[in-house]
Each structure stands twice: as C-alpha cells, then as structure tokens.
C-alpha cells in the first residue's frame, strides 16, 4: 500500500528513532515540519491503519514501531514506480532523466561506475539482480 509524502516523513522519523512514542515523533519532526501534534498523531493513525506501523500500549502511552524497514519500503516504492511509468525497465527511466536535464555529469559518472561494477560481477549476478526488479 502506498503512503503519502507526509506519511513517509513520519516513517523516516520512526526509522531514525526506532520504536517511539507519539511525543518523540512529534519532537523529532517539530523543527523539520512545523506540524502540530494533532497532525503527527493523525499521520501515525493513518500509518497504523495502513499496517505500516505497529502500535503497542505501554502504560498510559503508545509505542509506534515501523513494520517494514526502510530498504524494503524503498524497494517496493521504486519497483512500483518503475513498473507504472516505464514498464519495469530502467533504460527508459534513465532516458527520461537525461532528456529532462536531471542528470549531472557526476550522476552520469556514478551510473557508469555502477554499470562497470555490475558487468564485472558477471552475468549470473546481473541476471539475479534483474529478476528482482
């Protein structure tokens, strides 16, 4: 299930902090977002309803814990985006960014180095990697 940009900011806080109370998440987000405590609590409730966070009662307070780690979430989101917009293929994605001017010389050098490293691994590892996409 997809989450909104605001919900992803709350998740980022939970990934950074680990299991936390609403007050801890509110404090963590206060300087970055300017959101009211009510807004953060609403976002936590929405994330609970989407099964992105687990909630456990601890006395008079609740502890919120991310149910999915950040890497797994990024994999899901990136894979979904790639599938929806580019049929699951990376070359059209890179072509899009190239045409839009979003790739700097440094980005291109990093992509080249990554491709060289993938090639150096050999076809077996490259094939396994492409099957995960």
Protein backbone atom coordinates (compact mmCIF):
# COMPACT_ATOMS: atom_id res chain seq x y z
CA UNK A 1 0.00 0.00 0.00
CA UNK A 2 1.29 3.39 -0.94
CA UNK A 3 1.84 6.12 1.60
CA UNK A 4 1.70 9.88 1.14
CA UNK A 5 4.75 12.17 1.24
CA UNK A 6 3.68 13.40 4.69
CA UNK A 7 3.32 9.83 5.95
CA UNK A 8 6.75 8.99 4.56
CA UNK A 9 8.26 11.82 6.66
CA UNK A 10 6.74 10.25 9.77
CA UNK A 11 8.10 6.86 8.70
CA UNK A 12 11.56 8.41 8.21
CA UNK A 13 11.38 9.58 11.82
CA UNK A 14 10.43 6.11 13.05
CA UNK A 15 13.26 4.54 11.04
CA UNK A 16 15.72 7.03 12.54
CA UNK A 17 14.40 6.85 16.10
CA UNK A 18 13.28 3.23 16.35
CA UNK A 19 10.23 2.39 18.48
CA UNK A 20 8.91 5.72 19.74
CA UNK A 21 6.06 7.44 21.48
CA UNK A 22 3.96 9.97 19.59
CA UNK A 23 5.64 12.70 21.63
CA UNK A 24 9.09 11.56 20.48
CA UNK A 25 7.99 11.55 16.84
CA UNK A 26 6.38 14.99 17.29
CA UNK A 27 9.60 16.37 18.79
CA UNK A 28 11.70 14.81 16.02
CA UNK A 29 9.51 16.34 13.32
CA UNK A 30 8.91 19.69 15.04
CA UNK A 31 11.94 21.51 13.69
CA UNK A 32 11.64 19.98 10.22
CA UNK A 33 7.93 20.20 9.53
CA UNK A 34 6.25 22.71 11.79
CA UNK A 35 3.34 20.27 12.06
CA UNK A 36 1.07 20.40 15.07
CA UNK A 37 0.97 17.43 17.46
CA UNK A 38 -2.54 16.65 16.18
CA UNK A 39 -1.26 16.40 12.60
CA UNK A 40 1.52 13.98 13.58
CA UNK A 41 -0.89 11.85 15.62
CA UNK A 42 -3.29 11.75 12.66
CA UNK A 43 -0.47 10.64 10.37
CA UNK A 44 0.55 7.94 12.87
CA UNK A 45 -3.05 6.71 12.97
CA UNK A 46 -3.20 6.58 9.17
CA UNK A 47 0.06 4.63 9.08
CA UNK A 48 -1.36 2.22 11.66
CA UNK A 49 -4.49 1.77 9.52
CA UNK A 50 -2.26 1.04 6.51
CA UNK A 51 -0.33 -1.55 8.59
CA UNK A 52 2.90 0.41 8.17
CA UNK A 53 3.34 0.81 11.94
CA UNK A 54 2.59 -1.41 14.88
CA UNK A 55 1.16 0.19 18.00
CA UNK A 56 1.71 -1.23 21.47
CA UNK A 57 0.31 0.16 24.67
CA UNK A 58 2.92 0.98 27.32
CA UNK A 59 1.12 2.18 30.41
CA UNK A 60 -0.64 5.42 29.50
CA UNK A 61 1.18 5.90 26.23
CA UNK A 62 1.58 4.08 22.93
CA UNK A 63 4.78 2.95 21.28
CA UNK A 64 4.89 3.14 17.47
CA UNK A 65 7.20 0.82 15.55
CA UNK A 66 7.78 0.63 11.80
CA UNK A 67 6.56 -2.74 10.49
CA UNK A 68 8.63 -2.54 7.34
CA UNK A 69 12.26 -1.49 7.22
CA UNK A 70 13.27 1.41 5.04
CA UNK A 71 15.12 -0.67 2.45
CA UNK A 72 12.09 -2.93 1.89
CA UNK A 73 9.84 0.12 1.54
CA UNK A 74 12.23 1.78 -0.94
CA UNK A 75 12.37 -1.45 -2.96
CA UNK A 76 8.56 -1.59 -3.10
CA UNK A 77 8.15 2.08 -3.98
CA UNK A 78 10.92 2.12 -6.59
CA UNK A 79 9.71 -1.09 -8.18
CA UNK A 80 6.14 0.19 -8.31
CA UNK A 81 7.18 3.49 -9.84
CA UNK A 82 9.39 1.80 -12.40
CA UNK A 83 6.60 -0.64 -13.33
CA UNK A 84 3.87 2.01 -13.56
CA UNK A 85 5.80 4.58 -15.53
CA UNK A 86 8.36 2.63 -17.54
CA UNK A 87 7.06 -0.94 -17.86
CA UNK A 88 9.59 -2.13 -15.30
CA UNK A 89 12.57 -1.11 -17.44
CA UNK A 90 15.46 1.12 -16.34
CA UNK A 91 16.68 2.40 -19.74
CA UNK A 92 13.51 4.46 -20.37
CA UNK A 93 13.80 5.89 -16.85
CA UNK A 94 17.39 6.99 -17.48
CA UNK A 95 16.42 8.35 -20.90
CA UNK A 96 13.68 10.39 -19.24
CA UNK A 97 16.09 11.90 -16.72
CA UNK A 98 18.64 12.54 -19.46
CA UNK A 99 16.11 14.38 -21.65
CA UNK A 100 14.84 16.43 -18.71
CA UNK A 101 18.35 17.58 -17.82
CA UNK A 102 18.13 15.99 -14.37
CA UNK A 103 21.39 14.05 -14.74
CA UNK A 104 24.54 15.91 -13.85
CA UNK A 105 27.99 14.91 -15.04
CA UNK A 106 28.61 13.47 -11.59
CA UNK A 107 25.40 11.41 -11.82
CA UNK A 108 26.44 10.02 -15.19
CA UNK A 109 29.89 9.10 -13.84
CA UNK A 110 28.30 7.31 -10.88
CA UNK A 111 25.93 5.41 -13.20
CA UNK A 112 28.87 4.40 -15.41
CA UNK A 113 30.82 3.17 -12.37
CA UNK A 114 27.78 1.22 -11.17
CA UNK A 115 27.30 -0.38 -14.59
CA UNK A 116 31.00 -1.27 -14.74
CA UNK A 117 30.75 -2.90 -11.30
CA UNK A 118 27.66 -4.86 -12.34
CA UNK A 119 29.40 -6.00 -15.52
CA UNK A 120 32.46 -7.07 -13.53
CA UNK A 121 30.25 -9.28 -11.33
CA UNK A 122 29.43 -11.37 -14.35
CA UNK A 123 26.16 -12.42 -15.97
CA UNK A 124 24.94 -14.68 -13.14
CA UNK A 125 24.71 -11.90 -10.56
CA UNK A 126 23.39 -9.38 -13.09
CA UNK A 127 20.63 -11.83 -14.07
CA UNK A 128 19.64 -12.38 -10.43
CA UNK A 129 19.53 -8.63 -9.87
CA UNK A 130 17.28 -8.04 -12.90
CA UNK A 131 14.84 -10.75 -11.78
CA UNK A 132 14.24 -8.83 -8.52
CA UNK A 133 13.00 -5.78 -10.44
